């Protein structure tokens, strides 16, 4: 068998005929990178004659239009060290065109390096076609951009942003569809050379409206060149569902409290009714007595004297106990007014608590919201606890008040249940303390109870959806999960807790005073 020509080293164990029999293109170099052998497949694929290739630098045939300098240096160092290298390279044909090849470089007898090349151009085209087919039907919006300009957008991306034709976006700047306040974050994300975590950003629709979306970026090779894929998932439907779930949870809470609220209203209504009946009887007696006085005045007016009539009137005064009526009628009126006021305050608190609130952030009085919630939940805590409110003077806070009412209710009811489980039927009462204060640029609201504390084993899970330690029918496991979503995701705040077994638990709500974080997140 003939040795590999023109390699003079007798230690070469690989024969020329073995390399020439391969269907893949093969190129052999010395340690300096000069070509010493090519097989027939190489000349066939590249169009280069064997004599035109030998003794030339292998780099002159590779990397054109595709191999960055860093990769070239890495390849050269790998080959010089005798290590194997796998990767993709662009190979230049005789006519100046290039094709993409998957290649493997390895050492041969210590003095030479062998490169095996396989043209993957058609494979890459088929992969690109499959990629396009896949992303054309994707329910998520997908856009490919290069140098911050769109080169491809799929139908879902067009629908998400309200465009009809891909021509409306292809070629236009990427950042034209990003909300101005979110562009810096997107610029950092799309400049990264590796996949980025999914983030929420605001995108601009064709009509100028804003859509909240989850956005992710991934570097890819698209149509043979480096690019970035931007995936977009419209959160409009999810946000609407979350809103409906929060509203449903609030209505469920109100429904659960309905019997207690009815009892709270029934007590003042009872003494309003009792006072009204008393006043009705009193007024009937007093009006009858007044008629008798009028008859007496009429007799007196004509100069007559009617001792019998006077005696009759005096007897009637004693019978109706006019002195008693005079003393207690004003008290009955006061009780009635107090009852009306109490009913009105309960109804007002319930109305304000149950109001769905505005879709946008709006200034609100959180102290009043806390007092309303305490009133609405009174029947949950009044038998097991005393509630103390320590409310500092707060500025109006930019927030979604209807949602925060739900948070306050969940925490107060949970505190009442924790204390109820501790005191049982002992007749003693625990303490719920609700505080508000200003902490730098934030408002801090704490709900503290004297219950038994949260067991260590369940602490990591208390914010998980549908997790509850309460018996069936007493809790859905949604309260704290929704509370955290409202405070953290919707307002950019923090919800945390401190607990000690046998002492109690304190939940801490930290909210930005101006709602800046929540506004920046674009939460609805």
Protein backbone atom coordinates (compact mmCIF):
# COMPACT_ATOMS: atom_id res chain seq x y z
CA UNK A 1 0.00 0.00 0.00
CA UNK A 2 1.41 3.39 -1.00
CA UNK A 3 2.23 5.82 1.88
CA UNK A 4 0.43 9.17 2.01
CA UNK A 5 2.29 11.40 -0.43
CA UNK A 6 3.92 13.87 -0.11
CA UNK A 7 4.33 13.32 3.65
CA UNK A 8 7.88 12.03 4.08
CA UNK A 9 7.53 10.74 7.67
CA UNK A 10 7.64 6.92 7.78
CA UNK A 11 5.65 7.02 11.03
CA UNK A 12 2.47 8.04 9.25
CA UNK A 13 0.04 5.17 9.79
CA UNK A 14 -2.92 6.46 7.81
CA UNK A 15 -2.70 5.64 4.13
CA UNK A 16 -3.66 7.92 1.28
CA UNK A 17 -6.04 5.39 -0.19
CA UNK A 18 -7.98 5.22 3.11
CA UNK A 19 -8.52 8.99 3.10
CA UNK A 20 -9.23 9.08 -0.61
CA UNK A 21 -11.98 6.48 -0.19
CA UNK A 22 -13.98 8.73 2.16
CA UNK A 23 -17.07 10.45 0.76
CA UNK A 24 -16.45 13.45 3.01
CA UNK A 25 -13.94 16.08 1.97
CA UNK A 26 -10.56 15.59 3.69
CA UNK A 27 -7.70 18.07 4.04
CA UNK A 28 -4.36 17.28 5.76
CA UNK A 29 -1.96 19.94 7.00
CA UNK A 30 1.40 20.04 8.70
CA UNK A 31 1.84 21.70 12.08
CA UNK A 32 2.24 25.08 10.37
CA UNK A 33 -1.15 24.77 8.70
CA UNK A 34 0.18 24.13 5.15
CA UNK A 35 -1.88 21.72 3.08
CA UNK A 36 -0.03 18.46 2.32
CA UNK A 37 -2.91 16.33 1.03
CA UNK A 38 -6.53 16.54 -0.11
CA UNK A 39 -8.78 13.68 -1.16
CA UNK A 40 -10.87 13.55 -4.36
CA UNK A 41 -14.04 14.47 -2.48
CA UNK A 42 -12.40 17.74 -1.40
CA UNK A 43 -11.54 18.71 -4.99
CA UNK A 44 -15.02 17.66 -6.13
CA UNK A 45 -16.86 19.65 -3.46
CA UNK A 46 -14.69 22.79 -3.62
CA UNK A 47 -13.72 22.79 -7.29
CA UNK A 48 -10.08 23.34 -6.36
CA UNK A 49 -7.51 21.27 -8.25
CA UNK A 50 -5.23 19.27 -6.01
CA UNK A 51 -2.14 21.05 -7.28
CA UNK A 52 -3.69 24.47 -6.55
CA UNK A 53 -4.28 23.54 -2.91
CA UNK A 54 -1.05 21.84 -1.86
CA UNK A 55 1.45 23.95 0.08
CA UNK A 56 -1.13 26.69 0.62
CA UNK A 57 -2.33 27.87 4.02
CA UNK A 58 -5.48 25.93 4.96
CA UNK A 59 -6.97 29.10 6.43
CA UNK A 60 -7.21 30.56 2.93
CA UNK A 61 -9.93 28.01 2.14
CA UNK A 62 -11.84 28.28 5.42
CA UNK A 63 -13.66 30.76 7.57
CA UNK A 64 -14.52 33.28 4.89
CA UNK A 65 -17.70 35.03 5.92
CA UNK A 66 -18.29 32.82 8.92
CA UNK A 67 -15.42 32.14 11.33
CA UNK A 68 -14.78 34.90 13.90
CA UNK A 69 -11.17 35.70 14.81
CA UNK A 70 -11.68 34.32 18.33
CA UNK A 71 -12.81 30.95 16.95
CA UNK A 72 -9.94 30.92 14.44
CA UNK A 73 -7.41 31.46 17.23
CA UNK A 74 -9.06 28.78 19.29
CA UNK A 75 -8.94 26.34 16.38
CA UNK A 76 -5.27 27.03 15.67
CA UNK A 77 -4.32 26.59 19.33
CA UNK A 78 -6.31 23.36 19.52
CA UNK A 79 -4.67 21.93 16.43
CA UNK A 80 -1.19 22.96 17.54
CA UNK A 81 -1.75 21.15 20.84
CA UNK A 82 -2.88 18.02 19.01
CA UNK A 83 -6.41 18.15 20.44
CA UNK A 84 -9.58 17.32 18.53
CA UNK A 85 -11.80 20.20 17.37
CA UNK A 86 -15.46 19.96 16.33
CA UNK A 87 -17.43 22.79 14.82
CA UNK A 88 -18.81 24.50 11.75
CA UNK A 89 -16.71 26.38 9.21
CA UNK A 90 -17.33 28.21 5.98
CA UNK A 91 -15.34 26.74 3.10
CA UNK A 92 -14.48 28.74 -0.03
CA UNK A 93 -14.97 27.14 -3.43
CA UNK A 94 -12.81 27.83 -6.48
CA UNK A 95 -15.48 30.18 -7.91
CA UNK A 96 -15.46 32.27 -4.71
CA UNK A 97 -18.76 31.01 -3.34
CA UNK A 98 -18.88 29.45 0.12
CA UNK A 99 -20.68 26.59 1.77
CA UNK A 100 -21.21 25.75 5.42
CA UNK A 101 -19.48 22.56 6.55
CA UNK A 102 -19.52 20.56 9.73
CA UNK A 103 -15.94 19.57 10.40
CA UNK A 104 -13.69 17.64 12.73
CA UNK A 105 -9.97 18.28 13.12
CA UNK A 106 -7.73 15.74 14.79
CA UNK A 107 -4.05 14.87 15.07
CA UNK A 108 -2.35 12.32 12.83
CA UNK A 109 1.01 10.72 13.75
CA UNK A 110 1.89 13.79 15.84
CA UNK A 111 3.18 15.76 12.82
CA UNK A 112 0.02 16.32 10.79
CA UNK A 113 -3.58 17.35 11.29
CA UNK A 114 -6.59 15.97 9.44
CA UNK A 115 -9.71 17.95 8.74
CA UNK A 116 -12.87 16.10 7.63
CA UNK A 117 -15.61 18.30 6.09
CA UNK A 118 -19.25 17.61 5.29
CA UNK A 119 -21.36 20.11 3.39
CA UNK A 120 -24.44 20.90 5.54
CA UNK A 121 -25.79 23.72 3.40
CA UNK A 122 -28.85 21.76 2.23
CA UNK A 123 -29.36 20.37 5.71
CA UNK A 124 -29.26 23.88 7.11
CA UNK A 125 -31.73 25.04 4.46
CA UNK A 126 -34.09 22.22 5.37
CA UNK A 127 -33.63 23.06 9.05
CA UNK A 128 -34.37 26.71 8.32
CA UNK A 129 -37.48 25.70 6.40
CA UNK A 130 -38.60 23.50 9.29
CA UNK A 131 -37.82 26.33 11.68
CA UNK A 132 -39.95 28.71 9.64
CA UNK A 133 -42.81 26.20 9.48
CA UNK A 134 -42.64 25.76 13.23
CA UNK A 135 -42.61 29.45 14.10
CA UNK A 136 -45.24 30.33 11.48
CA UNK A 137 -47.74 28.22 13.42
CA UNK A 138 -46.55 29.17 16.90
CA UNK A 139 -49.23 30.70 19.15
CA UNK A 140 -46.51 32.92 20.64
CA UNK A 141 -45.24 35.96 18.82
CA UNK A 142 -41.79 35.35 17.32
CA UNK A 143 -39.61 37.95 15.64
CA UNK A 144 -36.07 37.68 14.31
CA UNK A 145 -33.96 40.81 14.38
CA UNK A 146 -30.47 41.64 13.26
CA UNK A 147 -28.66 44.87 14.09
CA UNK A 148 -31.82 45.98 15.94
CA UNK A 149 -34.03 45.72 12.85
CA UNK A 150 -36.69 43.12 12.18
CA UNK A 151 -35.85 40.58 9.46
CA UNK A 152 -38.77 38.25 10.15
CA UNK A 153 -42.02 38.28 12.15
CA UNK A 154 -44.56 35.48 12.46
CA UNK A 155 -48.38 35.89 12.25
CA UNK A 156 -48.81 35.70 16.03
CA UNK A 157 -46.38 38.58 16.50
CA UNK A 158 -48.35 40.64 13.98
CA UNK A 159 -51.63 39.87 15.75
CA UNK A 160 -50.17 40.70 19.15
CA UNK A 161 -49.12 44.14 17.96
CA UNK A 162 -52.12 44.78 15.73
CA UNK A 163 -50.35 44.72 12.34
CA UNK A 164 -51.75 43.02 9.22
CA UNK A 165 -48.69 42.50 7.01
CA UNK A 166 -45.14 41.42 7.84
CA UNK A 167 -43.95 44.20 5.52
CA UNK A 168 -45.27 46.67 8.09
CA UNK A 169 -42.55 45.56 10.52
CA UNK A 170 -39.76 43.86 8.57
CA UNK A 171 -36.94 46.35 8.15
CA UNK A 172 -38.23 48.69 10.85
CA UNK A 173 -36.30 49.32 14.11
CA UNK A 174 -36.89 46.87 16.93
CA UNK A 175 -37.23 49.56 19.56
CA UNK A 176 -40.15 51.26 17.81
CA UNK A 177 -42.43 48.57 19.28
CA UNK A 178 -40.97 48.80 22.81
CA UNK A 179 -42.42 51.20 25.39
CA UNK A 180 -39.98 54.08 25.89
CA UNK A 181 -39.52 53.33 29.60
CA UNK A 182 -38.67 49.67 28.89
CA UNK A 183 -36.22 50.14 26.02
CA UNK A 184 -33.07 50.20 28.16
CA UNK A 185 -33.92 46.82 29.67
CA UNK A 186 -34.70 45.31 26.27
CA UNK A 187 -31.46 46.69 24.80
CA UNK A 188 -29.47 44.90 27.50
CA UNK A 189 -31.42 41.68 26.98
CA UNK A 190 -31.07 41.47 23.17
CA UNK A 191 -27.36 42.31 23.28
CA UNK A 192 -26.60 39.20 25.38
CA UNK A 193 -24.86 36.30 23.66
CA UNK A 194 -26.83 33.63 25.50
CA UNK A 195 -30.48 32.94 26.25
CA UNK A 196 -32.07 35.37 28.69
CA UNK A 197 -34.67 34.83 31.38
CA UNK A 198 -38.27 35.67 30.53
CA UNK A 199 -39.22 39.19 31.61
CA UNK A 200 -42.36 41.31 31.41
CA UNK A 201 -42.20 44.34 29.13
CA UNK A 202 -44.65 46.77 27.60
CA UNK A 203 -44.98 46.72 23.82
CA UNK A 204 -46.59 49.32 21.59
CA UNK A 205 -49.35 48.24 19.24
CA UNK A 206 -49.95 49.70 15.79
CA UNK A 207 -52.70 51.96 17.18
CA UNK A 208 -50.43 53.29 19.94
CA UNK A 209 -52.01 51.25 22.75
CA UNK A 210 -49.86 49.27 25.17
CA UNK A 211 -49.84 45.51 25.59
CA UNK A 212 -48.15 43.77 28.51
CA UNK A 213 -46.11 40.77 27.35
CA UNK A 214 -43.59 38.20 28.47
CA UNK A 215 -40.46 38.63 26.39
CA UNK A 216 -37.42 36.38 25.93
CA UNK A 217 -34.35 36.69 23.69
CA UNK A 218 -32.14 34.00 22.17
CA UNK A 219 -29.16 34.34 19.77
CA UNK A 220 -29.54 32.17 16.64
CA UNK A 221 -28.22 31.69 13.12
CA UNK A 222 -30.98 32.78 10.74
CA UNK A 223 -30.63 32.57 6.96
CA UNK A 224 -26.95 31.81 7.43
CA UNK A 225 -26.10 34.78 9.61
CA UNK A 226 -26.12 35.64 13.29
CA UNK A 227 -29.37 37.10 14.60
CA UNK A 228 -31.62 37.17 17.66
CA UNK A 229 -35.02 35.58 18.17
CA UNK A 230 -37.48 37.55 20.29
CA UNK A 231 -40.40 35.54 21.65
CA UNK A 232 -43.44 37.43 22.90
CA UNK A 233 -46.44 36.12 24.83
CA UNK A 234 -49.43 38.44 25.18
CA UNK A 235 -50.46 38.58 28.84
CA UNK A 236 -53.78 40.35 28.22
CA UNK A 237 -55.91 37.21 28.61
CA UNK A 238 -53.90 36.01 31.62
CA UNK A 239 -54.18 39.39 33.32
CA UNK A 240 -57.94 39.44 32.68
CA UNK A 241 -58.23 35.95 34.17
CA UNK A 242 -56.17 36.95 37.20
CA UNK A 243 -58.39 40.00 37.66
CA UNK A 244 -61.53 37.84 37.48
CA UNK A 245 -60.04 35.40 39.98
CA UNK A 246 -59.24 38.22 42.39
CA UNK A 247 -62.74 39.64 42.00
CA UNK A 248 -64.20 36.17 42.49
CA UNK A 249 -62.11 35.64 45.60
CA UNK A 250 -63.25 38.99 46.98
CA UNK A 251 -66.89 38.15 46.26
CA UNK A 252 -66.42 34.73 47.87
CA UNK A 253 -64.98 36.48 50.91
CA UNK A 254 -67.92 38.85 51.06
CA UNK A 255 -70.28 35.91 50.66
CA UNK A 256 -68.54 34.09 53.49
CA UNK A 257 -68.84 37.18 55.67
CA UNK A 258 -72.43 37.85 54.62
CA UNK A 259 -74.07 36.20 57.62
CA UNK A 260 -71.76 38.08 59.97
CA UNK A 261 -72.43 41.35 58.19
CA UNK A 262 -76.17 40.66 58.38
CA UNK A 263 -75.83 40.09 62.13
CA UNK A 264 -73.85 43.31 62.49
CA UNK A 265 -76.58 45.22 60.67
CA UNK A 266 -79.39 43.43 62.52
CA UNK A 267 -78.30 44.68 65.96
CA UNK A 268 -78.62 48.41 65.21
CA UNK A 269 -81.72 47.71 63.11
CA UNK A 270 -83.27 46.05 66.18
CA UNK A 271 -82.91 49.03 68.44
CA UNK A 272 -83.90 51.36 65.61
CA UNK A 273 -87.13 49.35 65.38
CA UNK A 274 -87.64 49.30 69.15
CA UNK A 275 -87.09 53.05 69.37
CA UNK A 276 -89.43 53.66 66.44
CA UNK A 277 -92.21 51.63 68.10
CA UNK A 278 -91.69 53.51 71.37
CA UNK A 279 -91.80 56.86 69.61
CA UNK A 280 -94.92 55.82 67.71
CA UNK A 281 -96.80 55.02 70.95
CA UNK A 282 -95.42 58.06 72.72
CA UNK A 283 -96.42 60.38 69.91
CA UNK A 284 -99.97 58.90 69.87
CA UNK A 285 -100.38 59.61 73.59
CA UNK A 286 -98.78 63.04 73.39
CA UNK A 287 -100.88 64.05 70.40
CA UNK A 288 -104.08 62.93 72.25
CA UNK A 289 -103.00 64.97 75.30
CA UNK A 290 -102.28 67.91 73.03
CA UNK A 291 -105.84 67.70 71.64
CA UNK A 292 -107.22 67.88 75.19
CA UNK A 293 -105.11 70.95 75.89
CA UNK A 294 -106.49 72.56 72.75
CA UNK A 295 -110.07 71.96 73.98
CA UNK A 296 -109.15 73.49 77.33
CA UNK A 297 -107.66 76.51 75.64
CA UNK A 298 -110.80 76.92 73.55
CA UNK A 299 -112.99 76.90 76.71
CA UNK A 300 -110.64 79.32 78.43
CA UNK A 301 -110.63 81.57 75.37
CA UNK A 302 -114.39 82.27 75.75
CA UNK A 303 -114.04 82.92 79.48
CA UNK A 304 -115.56 79.67 80.58
CA UNK A 305 -114.28 77.48 83.29
CA UNK A 306 -114.24 73.71 83.04
CA UNK A 307 -112.91 72.12 86.23
CA UNK A 308 -114.01 68.71 84.98
CA UNK A 309 -111.94 69.14 81.82
CA UNK A 310 -108.89 70.20 83.82
CA UNK A 311 -109.23 67.13 86.03
CA UNK A 312 -109.59 64.94 82.95
CA UNK A 313 -106.41 66.38 81.40
CA UNK A 314 -104.42 65.98 84.60
CA UNK A 315 -105.53 62.38 84.84
CA UNK A 316 -104.52 61.80 81.24
CA UNK A 317 -101.06 63.31 81.86
CA UNK A 318 -100.60 60.90 84.71
CA UNK A 319 -101.90 58.02 82.64
CA UNK A 320 -99.53 58.58 79.69
CA UNK A 321 -96.68 59.52 82.08
CA UNK A 322 -95.89 62.68 80.15
CA UNK A 323 -92.82 63.33 82.29
CA UNK A 324 -91.39 59.93 81.36
CA UNK A 325 -92.14 60.52 77.69
CA UNK A 326 -90.52 63.93 77.80
CA UNK A 327 -87.36 62.39 79.26
CA UNK A 328 -87.08 59.34 77.01
CA UNK A 329 -88.35 60.48 73.63
CA UNK A 330 -85.14 62.47 72.94
CA UNK A 331 -83.10 59.41 74.01
CA UNK A 332 -85.07 57.22 71.61
CA UNK A 333 -84.37 59.67 68.82
CA UNK A 334 -80.64 59.60 69.66
CA UNK A 335 -80.62 55.79 69.69
CA UNK A 336 -82.38 55.75 66.34
CA UNK A 337 -79.86 58.14 64.83
CA UNK A 338 -76.99 56.10 66.25
CA UNK A 339 -78.45 52.95 64.77
CA UNK A 340 -78.93 54.60 61.39
CA UNK A 341 -75.34 55.84 61.52
CA UNK A 342 -74.07 52.37 62.44
CA UNK A 343 -75.98 50.74 59.60
CA UNK A 344 -74.81 53.43 57.19
CA UNK A 345 -71.17 52.93 58.22
CA UNK A 346 -71.42 49.15 57.72
CA UNK A 347 -73.09 49.57 54.33
CA UNK A 348 -70.55 52.23 53.30
CA UNK A 349 -67.64 50.05 54.39
CA UNK A 350 -69.09 47.09 52.53
CA UNK A 351 -69.68 49.19 49.42
CA UNK A 352 -66.16 50.62 49.45
CA UNK A 353 -64.67 47.22 50.18
CA UNK A 354 -66.60 45.50 47.42
CA UNK A 355 -65.97 48.17 44.77
CA UNK A 356 -63.81 46.63 42.01
CA UNK A 357 -61.71 49.76 41.80
CA UNK A 358 -60.08 51.35 38.77
CA UNK A 359 -58.01 49.55 36.18
CA UNK A 360 -55.30 52.19 36.56
CA UNK A 361 -53.41 53.20 39.67
CA UNK A 362 -55.22 55.91 41.61
CA UNK A 363 -54.48 57.83 44.86
CA UNK A 364 -56.25 56.28 47.84
CA UNK A 365 -56.59 56.61 51.62
CA UNK A 366 -55.20 53.33 52.95
CA UNK A 367 -56.07 54.14 56.56
CA UNK A 368 -59.75 54.44 55.64
CA UNK A 369 -59.49 51.22 53.65
CA UNK A 370 -58.09 49.46 56.73
CA UNK A 371 -60.91 50.78 58.93
CA UNK A 372 -63.51 49.69 56.35
CA UNK A 373 -62.04 46.20 56.23
CA UNK A 374 -61.98 45.92 60.02
CA UNK A 375 -65.67 46.88 60.01
CA UNK A 376 -66.61 44.38 57.29
CA UNK A 377 -64.75 41.56 59.06
CA UNK A 378 -66.01 42.43 62.55
CA UNK A 379 -68.12 39.32 62.97
CA UNK A 380 -65.02 37.19 62.21
CA UNK A 381 -62.95 38.67 65.04
CA UNK A 382 -65.29 40.16 67.65
CA UNK A 383 -65.85 36.88 69.55
CA UNK A 384 -62.16 35.90 69.71
CA UNK A 385 -60.11 39.10 69.62
CA UNK A 386 -59.90 42.79 70.25
CA UNK A 387 -58.72 44.81 67.26
CA UNK A 388 -56.42 47.76 67.79
CA UNK A 389 -55.58 50.12 64.93
CA UNK A 390 -52.48 52.28 65.20
CA UNK A 391 -52.64 54.37 62.04
CA UNK A 392 -50.08 57.05 61.30
CA UNK A 393 -50.85 60.02 59.08
CA UNK A 394 -50.34 58.76 55.54
CA UNK A 395 -50.26 60.57 52.23
CA UNK A 396 -52.61 59.22 49.60
CA UNK A 397 -50.97 56.20 48.03
CA UNK A 398 -51.05 55.44 44.31
CA UNK A 399 -52.51 51.92 44.19
CA UNK A 400 -55.30 49.58 43.14
CA UNK A 401 -57.47 50.04 46.24
CA UNK A 402 -60.00 47.30 45.49
CA UNK A 403 -57.20 44.74 45.31
CA UNK A 404 -55.55 45.97 48.51
CA UNK A 405 -58.88 45.72 50.34
CA UNK A 406 -58.76 42.02 49.54
CA UNK A 407 -55.24 41.75 50.97
CA UNK A 408 -56.25 43.49 54.22
CA UNK A 409 -59.33 41.26 54.56
CA UNK A 410 -57.37 38.04 53.99
CA UNK A 411 -54.78 38.98 56.61
CA UNK A 412 -57.32 40.12 59.22
CA UNK A 413 -59.53 37.05 58.77
CA UNK A 414 -56.47 34.78 58.91
CA UNK A 415 -55.39 36.52 62.13
CA UNK A 416 -58.86 36.01 63.64
CA UNK A 417 -58.83 32.32 62.69
CA UNK A 418 -55.34 31.86 64.17
CA UNK A 419 -56.44 33.43 67.45
CA UNK A 420 -59.71 31.47 67.43
CA UNK A 421 -57.76 28.23 67.11
CA UNK A 422 -55.71 29.30 70.14
CA UNK A 423 -58.41 30.59 72.52
CA UNK A 424 -61.11 28.11 71.50
CA UNK A 425 -64.18 28.34 73.74
CA UNK A 426 -62.27 29.63 76.75
CA UNK A 427 -64.08 32.97 76.70
CA UNK A 428 -60.77 34.84 76.56
CA UNK A 429 -59.80 37.07 73.67
CA UNK A 430 -56.58 37.59 71.78
CA UNK A 431 -55.28 40.73 70.12
CA UNK A 432 -55.10 41.83 66.51
CA UNK A 433 -53.07 44.98 65.95
CA UNK A 434 -53.06 46.76 62.59
CA UNK A 435 -50.45 49.47 62.10
CA UNK A 436 -49.60 51.85 59.29
CA UNK A 437 -46.52 54.04 58.93
CA UNK A 438 -44.29 55.71 56.38
CA UNK A 439 -40.95 53.99 55.82
CA UNK A 440 -38.82 56.13 53.51
CA UNK A 441 -40.38 56.01 50.02
CA UNK A 442 -42.80 53.30 51.11
CA UNK A 443 -45.88 52.71 53.25
CA UNK A 444 -45.60 49.89 55.76
CA UNK A 445 -48.75 48.12 56.96
CA UNK A 446 -48.51 45.32 59.51
CA UNK A 447 -51.17 42.91 60.73
CA UNK A 448 -50.12 41.30 64.01
CA UNK A 449 -51.96 38.52 65.83
CA UNK A 450 -51.48 36.75 69.15
CA UNK A 451 -52.24 33.33 67.68
CA UNK A 452 -50.16 30.19 67.93
CA UNK A 453 -47.70 31.06 65.15
CA UNK A 454 -47.01 29.24 61.89
CA UNK A 455 -45.37 25.79 62.15
CA UNK A 456 -41.88 25.75 60.67
CA UNK A 457 -42.68 22.86 58.34
CA UNK A 458 -45.36 24.80 56.43
CA UNK A 459 -43.73 28.24 56.33
CA UNK A 460 -42.14 27.78 52.88
CA UNK A 461 -45.54 26.92 51.39
CA UNK A 462 -47.95 29.46 52.86
CA UNK A 463 -47.93 31.57 49.68
CA UNK A 464 -48.48 28.57 47.40
CA UNK A 465 -51.85 28.54 45.58
CA UNK A 466 -54.43 26.20 47.14
CA UNK A 467 -52.23 25.39 50.14
CA UNK A 468 -54.09 25.65 53.44
CA UNK A 469 -53.88 24.16 56.90
CA UNK A 470 -57.54 24.98 57.64
CA UNK A 471 -60.28 22.39 57.68
CA UNK A 472 -62.47 21.90 54.62
CA UNK A 473 -64.91 24.76 54.13
CA UNK A 474 -62.90 27.25 56.13
CA UNK A 475 -60.20 28.14 53.63
CA UNK A 476 -59.50 27.75 49.91
CA UNK A 477 -55.74 28.22 50.07
CA UNK A 478 -56.00 31.14 47.65
CA UNK A 479 -55.98 34.05 50.09
CA UNK A 480 -52.25 34.47 50.70
CA UNK A 481 -51.34 33.49 47.13
CA UNK A 482 -53.62 36.22 45.78
CA UNK A 483 -52.39 38.66 48.42
CA UNK A 484 -48.79 38.12 47.37
CA UNK A 485 -49.69 38.48 43.68
CA UNK A 486 -51.47 41.78 44.39
CA UNK A 487 -48.71 43.24 46.57
CA UNK A 488 -45.65 42.00 44.67
CA UNK A 489 -46.72 41.73 41.02
CA UNK A 490 -49.42 44.37 40.85
CA UNK A 491 -47.84 47.02 43.11
CA UNK A 492 -44.13 46.23 43.03
CA UNK A 493 -44.17 45.87 46.82
CA UNK A 494 -43.17 43.22 49.32
CA UNK A 495 -45.22 40.81 51.44
CA UNK A 496 -43.35 39.00 54.20
CA UNK A 497 -44.02 37.59 57.64
CA UNK A 498 -42.43 36.98 61.00
CA UNK A 499 -43.75 34.25 63.25
CA UNK A 500 -42.97 32.62 66.56
CA UNK A 501 -44.62 29.48 67.89
CA UNK A 502 -46.80 30.28 70.90
CA UNK A 503 -46.44 34.04 70.39
CA UNK A 504 -48.10 34.92 67.08
CA UNK A 505 -47.49 36.11 63.55
CA UNK A 506 -46.95 39.50 61.93
CA UNK A 507 -47.48 40.07 58.22
CA UNK A 508 -45.68 43.06 56.67
CA UNK A 509 -46.95 44.83 53.55
CA UNK A 510 -44.50 47.28 51.99
CA UNK A 511 -45.91 49.45 49.19
CA UNK A 512 -44.22 52.18 47.12
CA UNK A 513 -45.76 55.51 48.09
CA UNK A 514 -46.00 56.75 44.52
CA UNK A 515 -46.60 53.40 42.90
CA UNK A 516 -43.49 53.89 40.75
CA UNK A 517 -42.44 50.26 40.76
CA UNK A 518 -45.91 49.01 39.97
CA UNK A 519 -46.32 51.57 37.19
CA UNK A 520 -42.97 50.64 35.69
CA UNK A 521 -43.95 47.00 35.58
CA UNK A 522 -47.02 47.85 33.58
CA UNK A 523 -49.34 45.86 35.82
CA UNK A 524 -52.97 46.41 34.93
